[in-house]
Amino acid sequence: MSVASESVSAMSAPTTSHSTSPFAWSVRREVWEHRSLYIAPSVVACLVLLGFLIRIIHLPQTLSLLSQLKPGEQNLALAMSFVVAALAICVTGLIVAFFYCLGALYNERKDRSILFWKSLPVSNATAVLSKAAIPLLVLPAILFVIVIAVHLIMLGVGTAALAASGANSGWLWNAWPIFKMALVLAYGLVCMTLWYAPIYGWVLLVSSWARGMPILWAVLPPLGLVLAERIALDSSYLWSLLDYRLNGYLHEAFYFPPHLHGHEIGDPIALLALTPEKFLGTPGLWLGIVFAVGCLAGAIWLRRNREPI
């Protein structure tokens, strides 16, 4: 209740700047109350670093294997550790975002705290949009900071280990140019967030409507439609649509050359592989955003009219 009392005093105080607006404080409250938003990715980051440190212990064997590869293949092999680290943290963020949206509007109805929050001068639209801002704005920023921090630690430790073994200390920096890769990461997180916006909107809508077991209401209807189509029509259009929504952004936002393994990962090809014009011109992106806006509008209406559980 201490967080709630702090929020009450902050929201009831005169607003002297944009930082004390109800929306800003609502977003802060969500971050305060849901520490898993940054704890879960941080734990995975620590595990990734632990695995990297264990790999450093076997550095002589690794260098022996790398010496048998071509220069471009060596850089690609070194870069894979950084790619795996970024993927592990980002996938963890997606899981956290899904379960956050699942309980964002359901839990406040279940524990009846919605009655308290509705007594504050915060509109239903502000409350819902502040919750939507977590997976759409806050969590991508958290993931970006954590991934960059992990990559910098990996570069520092790896460089020191290479120097201690007498190898080229700049090898890792050539394989993973951190500034270029930071731009690629930022671009990828923006594309991923926009692409998954309809999923976040759908889960928030379910969270505002369900009276019990929201995860089943969020997952079973799409899967049920896929199964019904398969049985009734012997087709898989809905499954293809669902698979495209889950994995399509990679093919729309990036171009993967057929012989990427023959290039150095630090080459400008890493930036040329970005295809923002293709991504922004994809109908699936804009149809998904329209669907997400509709789901958020429905969630706002349901929060205004739905009774506590």
Protein backbone atom coordinates (compact mmCIF):
# COMPACT_ATOMS: atom_id res chain seq x y z
CA MET A 1 0.00 0.00 0.00
CA SER A 2 3.01 2.27 0.33
CA VAL A 3 3.32 2.49 -3.44
CA ALA A 4 -0.35 3.34 -3.71
CA SER A 5 -0.06 6.08 -1.07
CA GLU A 6 2.96 7.53 -2.85
CA SER A 7 1.04 7.54 -6.10
CA VAL A 8 -1.94 9.20 -4.45
CA SER A 9 0.14 12.00 -2.99
CA ALA A 10 1.97 12.48 -6.27
CA MET A 11 -1.19 12.57 -8.37
CA SER A 12 -3.06 14.81 -5.98
CA ALA A 13 -0.22 17.35 -5.84
CA PRO A 14 -0.47 20.36 -8.16
CA THR A 15 1.06 19.59 -11.53
CA THR A 16 3.90 21.98 -12.17
CA SER A 17 5.44 20.16 -15.13
CA HIS A 18 4.77 17.40 -17.57
CA SER A 19 6.66 14.91 -15.35
CA THR A 20 3.89 15.07 -12.74
CA SER A 21 1.03 14.37 -15.16
CA PRO A 22 -1.35 11.51 -14.35
CA PHE A 23 -0.05 9.54 -17.33
CA ALA A 24 3.61 9.88 -16.29
CA TRP A 25 2.84 8.86 -12.72
CA SER A 26 0.68 5.98 -13.90
CA VAL A 27 3.58 4.66 -15.97
CA ARG A 28 5.93 5.06 -13.00
CA ARG A 29 3.48 3.18 -10.79
CA GLU A 30 3.41 0.27 -13.24
CA VAL A 31 7.21 0.09 -13.19
CA TRP A 32 7.31 0.29 -9.38
CA GLU A 33 4.72 -2.46 -8.96
CA HIS A 34 6.10 -4.81 -11.64
CA ARG A 35 9.78 -5.24 -10.92
CA SER A 36 9.91 -8.31 -13.15
CA LEU A 37 10.04 -5.86 -16.07
CA TYR A 38 13.72 -5.32 -15.39
CA ILE A 39 14.58 -8.13 -12.96
CA ALA A 40 13.80 -11.00 -15.36
CA PRO A 41 15.91 -9.66 -18.27
CA SER A 42 18.67 -8.79 -15.80
CA VAL A 43 18.72 -12.35 -14.44
CA VAL A 44 18.97 -13.75 -17.97
CA ALA A 45 21.74 -11.23 -18.68
CA CYS A 46 23.67 -12.52 -15.66
CA LEU A 47 23.26 -16.11 -16.86
CA VAL A 48 24.48 -15.10 -20.32
CA LEU A 49 27.54 -13.44 -18.79
CA LEU A 50 28.19 -16.51 -16.66
CA GLY A 51 28.14 -18.68 -19.76
CA PHE A 52 30.48 -16.26 -21.53
CA LEU A 53 32.91 -16.36 -18.61
CA ILE A 54 32.89 -20.16 -18.66
CA ARG A 55 33.65 -20.01 -22.37
CA ILE A 56 36.54 -17.64 -21.69
CA ILE A 57 38.08 -20.30 -19.45
CA HIS A 58 38.35 -22.51 -22.55
CA LEU A 59 39.82 -19.69 -24.63
CA PRO A 60 42.90 -21.64 -25.83
CA GLN A 61 40.70 -24.36 -27.35
CA THR A 62 38.43 -21.72 -28.88
CA LEU A 63 41.38 -19.90 -30.47
CA SER A 64 42.66 -23.19 -31.84
CA LEU A 65 39.32 -23.87 -33.51
CA LEU A 66 39.02 -20.31 -34.83
CA SER A 67 42.47 -20.48 -36.39
CA GLN A 68 41.16 -23.15 -38.75
CA LEU A 69 38.47 -20.83 -40.15
CA LYS A 70 38.60 -18.10 -42.77
CA PRO A 71 38.71 -14.48 -41.48
CA GLY A 72 35.05 -13.80 -42.26
CA GLU A 73 33.98 -17.06 -40.65
CA GLN A 74 36.10 -16.26 -37.60
CA ASN A 75 34.31 -12.96 -37.09
CA LEU A 76 30.94 -14.60 -37.58
CA ALA A 77 31.77 -17.29 -35.03
CA LEU A 78 32.88 -14.66 -32.50
CA ALA A 79 29.77 -12.59 -33.14
CA MET A 80 27.42 -15.49 -32.44
CA SER A 81 27.93 -15.11 -28.67
CA PHE A 82 26.69 -11.52 -28.89
CA VAL A 83 23.74 -12.51 -31.08
CA VAL A 84 22.71 -15.28 -28.67
CA ALA A 85 22.99 -12.89 -25.72
CA ALA A 86 20.76 -10.30 -27.40
CA LEU A 87 18.20 -12.92 -28.48
CA ALA A 88 18.00 -14.48 -25.02
CA ILE A 89 17.37 -11.12 -23.35
CA CYS A 90 14.86 -9.96 -25.99
CA VAL A 91 12.90 -13.23 -25.90
CA THR A 92 12.75 -12.92 -22.12
CA GLY A 93 11.40 -9.40 -22.60
CA LEU A 94 8.67 -10.70 -24.91
CA ILE A 95 7.61 -13.30 -22.34
CA VAL A 96 7.58 -10.67 -19.58
CA ALA A 97 5.53 -8.32 -21.79
CA PHE A 98 2.96 -11.05 -22.53
CA PHE A 99 2.39 -11.95 -18.89
CA TYR A 100 2.40 -8.31 -17.83
CA CYS A 101 -0.38 -7.52 -20.32
CA LEU A 102 -2.22 -10.64 -19.24
CA GLY A 103 -2.54 -9.42 -15.66
CA ALA A 104 -2.44 -5.66 -16.16
CA LEU A 105 -6.22 -5.12 -16.13
CA TYR A 106 -7.32 -8.49 -14.78
CA ASN A 107 -5.45 -8.37 -11.47
CA GLU A 108 -6.80 -4.97 -10.46
CA ARG A 109 -10.34 -6.30 -10.93
CA LYS A 110 -9.54 -9.53 -9.13
CA ASP A 111 -8.08 -7.86 -6.02
CA ARG A 112 -10.66 -5.03 -6.34
CA SER A 113 -7.94 -2.39 -6.25
CA ILE A 114 -9.60 -0.96 -9.35
CA LEU A 115 -12.12 0.69 -7.01
CA PHE A 116 -9.28 2.56 -5.33
CA TRP A 117 -7.57 3.61 -8.55
CA LYS A 118 -10.85 4.78 -10.06
CA SER A 119 -11.30 7.10 -7.09
CA LEU A 120 -8.22 9.03 -8.23
CA PRO A 121 -8.31 11.80 -10.85
CA VAL A 122 -7.05 9.43 -13.55
CA SER A 123 -9.24 8.60 -16.52
CA ASN A 124 -9.76 5.07 -17.79
CA ALA A 125 -8.01 6.03 -21.02
CA THR A 126 -4.96 7.22 -19.09
CA ALA A 127 -4.91 4.05 -16.99
CA VAL A 128 -5.11 1.72 -19.99
CA LEU A 129 -2.67 3.69 -22.15
CA SER A 130 -0.15 3.82 -19.30
CA LYS A 131 -0.31 0.03 -19.10
CA ALA A 132 0.07 -0.24 -22.87
CA ALA A 133 3.10 2.04 -22.66
CA ILE A 134 4.97 -0.59 -20.65
CA PRO A 135 5.39 -3.17 -23.47
CA LEU A 136 5.39 -0.52 -26.20
CA LEU A 137 7.82 2.03 -24.73
CA VAL A 138 9.31 1.17 -21.35
CA LEU A 139 10.28 -2.47 -21.82
CA PRO A 140 12.06 -1.96 -25.18
CA ALA A 141 14.15 0.81 -23.57
CA ILE A 142 15.00 -1.49 -20.65
CA LEU A 143 15.99 -4.29 -23.03
CA PHE A 144 18.18 -1.94 -25.06
CA VAL A 145 20.09 -0.76 -21.99
CA ILE A 146 20.57 -4.31 -20.65
CA VAL A 147 21.72 -5.75 -23.98
CA ILE A 148 24.21 -2.92 -24.58
CA ALA A 149 25.55 -3.28 -21.03
CA VAL A 150 26.01 -7.04 -21.51
CA HIS A 151 27.74 -6.54 -24.85
CA LEU A 152 30.13 -3.97 -23.38
CA ILE A 153 31.01 -6.32 -20.50
CA MET A 154 31.54 -9.18 -22.95
CA LEU A 155 33.78 -6.99 -25.11
CA GLY A 156 35.79 -5.80 -22.11
CA VAL A 157 36.27 -9.26 -20.60
CA GLY A 158 36.93 -10.87 -23.97
CA THR A 159 39.45 -8.22 -24.96
CA ALA A 160 41.34 -8.66 -21.67
CA ALA A 161 41.35 -12.44 -22.10
CA LEU A 162 42.65 -12.18 -25.68
CA ALA A 163 45.38 -9.76 -24.63
CA ALA A 164 46.42 -12.06 -21.77
CA SER A 165 46.68 -15.01 -24.17
CA GLY A 166 48.81 -13.06 -26.64
CA ALA A 167 46.10 -12.93 -29.33
CA ASN A 168 44.88 -9.82 -31.15
CA SER A 169 43.05 -7.81 -28.47
CA GLY A 170 40.96 -5.98 -31.07
CA TRP A 171 39.57 -9.17 -32.56
CA LEU A 172 36.21 -8.97 -30.78
CA TRP A 173 35.74 -5.28 -31.61
CA ASN A 174 36.21 -6.07 -35.29
CA ALA A 175 33.75 -8.93 -35.08
CA TRP A 176 31.16 -6.91 -33.16
CA PRO A 177 31.39 -3.12 -33.83
CA ILE A 178 29.39 -1.98 -30.83
CA PHE A 179 28.19 1.37 -32.20
CA LYS A 180 26.88 -0.08 -35.45
CA MET A 181 25.31 -2.98 -33.61
CA ALA A 182 23.65 -0.60 -31.14
CA LEU A 183 21.89 1.04 -34.09
CA VAL A 184 20.87 -2.37 -35.41
CA LEU A 185 19.56 -3.34 -31.95
CA ALA A 186 17.55 -0.13 -31.60
CA TYR A 187 16.05 -0.63 -35.06
CA GLY A 188 15.23 -4.27 -34.31
CA LEU A 189 13.54 -3.43 -30.99
CA VAL A 190 11.40 -0.73 -32.62
CA CYS A 191 10.34 -3.10 -35.40
CA MET A 192 9.68 -5.94 -32.96
CA THR A 193 7.55 -3.70 -30.73
CA LEU A 194 5.46 -2.32 -33.59
CA TRP A 195 4.99 -5.79 -35.06
CA TYR A 196 3.82 -7.29 -31.76
CA ALA A 197 1.58 -4.32 -30.88
CA PRO A 198 -1.62 -6.18 -31.94
CA ILE A 199 -0.67 -9.10 -29.68
CA TYR A 200 -0.18 -6.74 -26.74
CA GLY A 201 -3.48 -5.02 -27.56
CA TRP A 202 -5.34 -8.34 -27.77
CA VAL A 203 -3.96 -9.58 -24.46
CA LEU A 204 -4.82 -6.27 -22.75
CA LEU A 205 -8.35 -6.56 -24.13
CA VAL A 206 -8.67 -10.08 -22.76
CA SER A 207 -7.23 -8.90 -19.44
CA SER A 208 -9.94 -6.25 -19.18
CA TRP A 209 -12.73 -8.70 -20.02
CA ALA A 210 -11.94 -12.15 -18.60
CA ARG A 211 -13.44 -13.19 -15.27
CA GLY A 212 -11.00 -16.03 -14.80
CA MET A 213 -7.99 -17.78 -16.38
CA PRO A 214 -7.16 -14.96 -18.82
CA ILE A 215 -4.31 -16.94 -20.37
CA LEU A 216 -6.79 -19.47 -21.73
CA TRP A 217 -9.01 -16.73 -23.19
CA ALA A 218 -5.96 -15.12 -24.78
CA VAL A 219 -4.51 -18.27 -26.33
CA LEU A 220 -7.35 -20.72 -26.97
CA PRO A 221 -9.61 -18.64 -29.30
CA PRO A 222 -6.88 -18.11 -31.95
CA LEU A 223 -5.77 -21.74 -31.70
CA GLY A 224 -9.39 -22.89 -31.77
CA LEU A 225 -10.02 -20.95 -34.98
CA VAL A 226 -6.91 -22.48 -36.52
CA LEU A 227 -8.08 -25.98 -35.57
CA ALA A 228 -11.63 -25.33 -36.78
CA GLU A 229 -10.37 -24.13 -40.16
CA ARG A 230 -8.16 -27.18 -40.48
CA ILE A 231 -11.01 -29.56 -39.70
CA ALA A 232 -13.73 -27.79 -41.68
CA LEU A 233 -11.83 -26.55 -44.74
CA ASP A 234 -8.65 -28.63 -44.66
CA SER A 235 -6.62 -25.43 -45.03
CA SER A 236 -4.12 -23.55 -42.90
CA TYR A 237 -4.55 -19.89 -43.83
CA LEU A 238 -5.15 -18.83 -40.22
CA TRP A 239 -2.13 -20.74 -39.03
CA SER A 240 -0.01 -19.04 -41.70
CA LEU A 241 -1.41 -15.69 -40.58
CA LEU A 242 -0.61 -16.46 -36.94
CA ASP A 243 2.89 -17.66 -37.82
CA TYR A 244 3.44 -14.51 -39.90
CA ARG A 245 2.43 -12.35 -36.95
CA LEU A 246 4.81 -14.16 -34.62
CA ASN A 247 7.83 -14.39 -36.91
CA GLY A 248 7.20 -12.18 -39.92
CA TYR A 249 8.89 -9.03 -38.70
CA LEU A 250 12.35 -10.58 -39.11
CA HIS A 251 11.77 -11.11 -42.83
CA GLU A 252 10.14 -7.70 -43.29
CA ALA A 253 12.62 -5.62 -41.26
CA PHE A 254 15.85 -7.39 -42.28
CA TYR A 255 17.41 -8.79 -45.41
CA PHE A 256 19.48 -11.90 -44.93
CA PRO A 257 21.94 -12.40 -47.81
CA PRO A 258 22.09 -16.04 -48.91
CA HIS A 259 25.85 -16.18 -48.33
CA LEU A 260 26.12 -14.05 -45.20
CA HIS A 261 28.63 -16.47 -43.69
CA GLY A 262 31.21 -15.40 -46.23
CA HIS A 263 31.24 -11.78 -45.04
CA GLU A 264 32.72 -10.14 -42.02
CA ILE A 265 30.06 -9.33 -39.47
CA GLY A 266 31.73 -5.96 -38.89
CA ASP A 267 31.36 -5.06 -42.57
CA PRO A 268 28.80 -2.36 -43.56
CA ILE A 269 26.64 -5.24 -44.79
CA ALA A 270 25.34 -5.42 -41.21
CA LEU A 271 23.69 -2.02 -41.70
CA LEU A 272 22.78 -2.58 -45.35
CA ALA A 273 20.79 -5.63 -44.25
CA LEU A 274 18.22 -3.31 -42.62
CA THR A 275 15.13 -2.76 -44.77
CA PRO A 276 13.03 -0.06 -43.04
CA GLU A 277 11.33 0.95 -46.30
CA LYS A 278 10.09 -2.61 -46.78
CA PHE A 279 8.99 -2.87 -43.16
CA LEU A 280 7.08 0.42 -43.19
CA GLY A 281 5.45 -0.52 -46.49
CA THR A 282 4.17 -3.85 -45.21
CA PRO A 283 0.33 -3.93 -45.01
CA GLY A 284 0.56 -6.40 -42.13
CA LEU A 285 2.28 -3.79 -40.00
CA TRP A 286 -0.42 -1.14 -40.40
CA LEU A 287 -3.31 -3.59 -40.19
CA GLY A 288 -1.80 -4.85 -36.95
CA ILE A 289 -1.50 -1.33 -35.56
CA VAL A 290 -5.14 -0.61 -36.45
CA PHE A 291 -6.14 -3.84 -34.70
CA ALA A 292 -4.06 -2.85 -31.65
CA VAL A 293 -5.75 0.57 -31.49
CA GLY A 294 -9.16 -1.11 -31.66
CA CYS A 295 -8.22 -3.50 -28.86
CA LEU A 296 -7.01 -0.64 -26.66
CA ALA A 297 -10.24 1.27 -27.32
CA GLY A 298 -12.17 -1.83 -26.29
CA ALA A 299 -10.05 -2.23 -23.17
CA ILE A 300 -10.76 1.39 -22.18
CA TRP A 301 -14.49 0.86 -22.62
CA LEU A 302 -14.41 -2.39 -20.64
CA ARG A 303 -12.43 -0.83 -17.80
CA ARG A 304 -15.05 1.90 -17.57
CA ASN A 305 -18.00 -0.50 -17.53
CA ARG A 306 -16.68 -3.84 -16.24
CA GLU A 307 -17.33 -4.63 -12.58
CA PRO A 308 -14.67 -6.07 -10.22
CA ILE A 309 -14.52 -9.84 -10.11
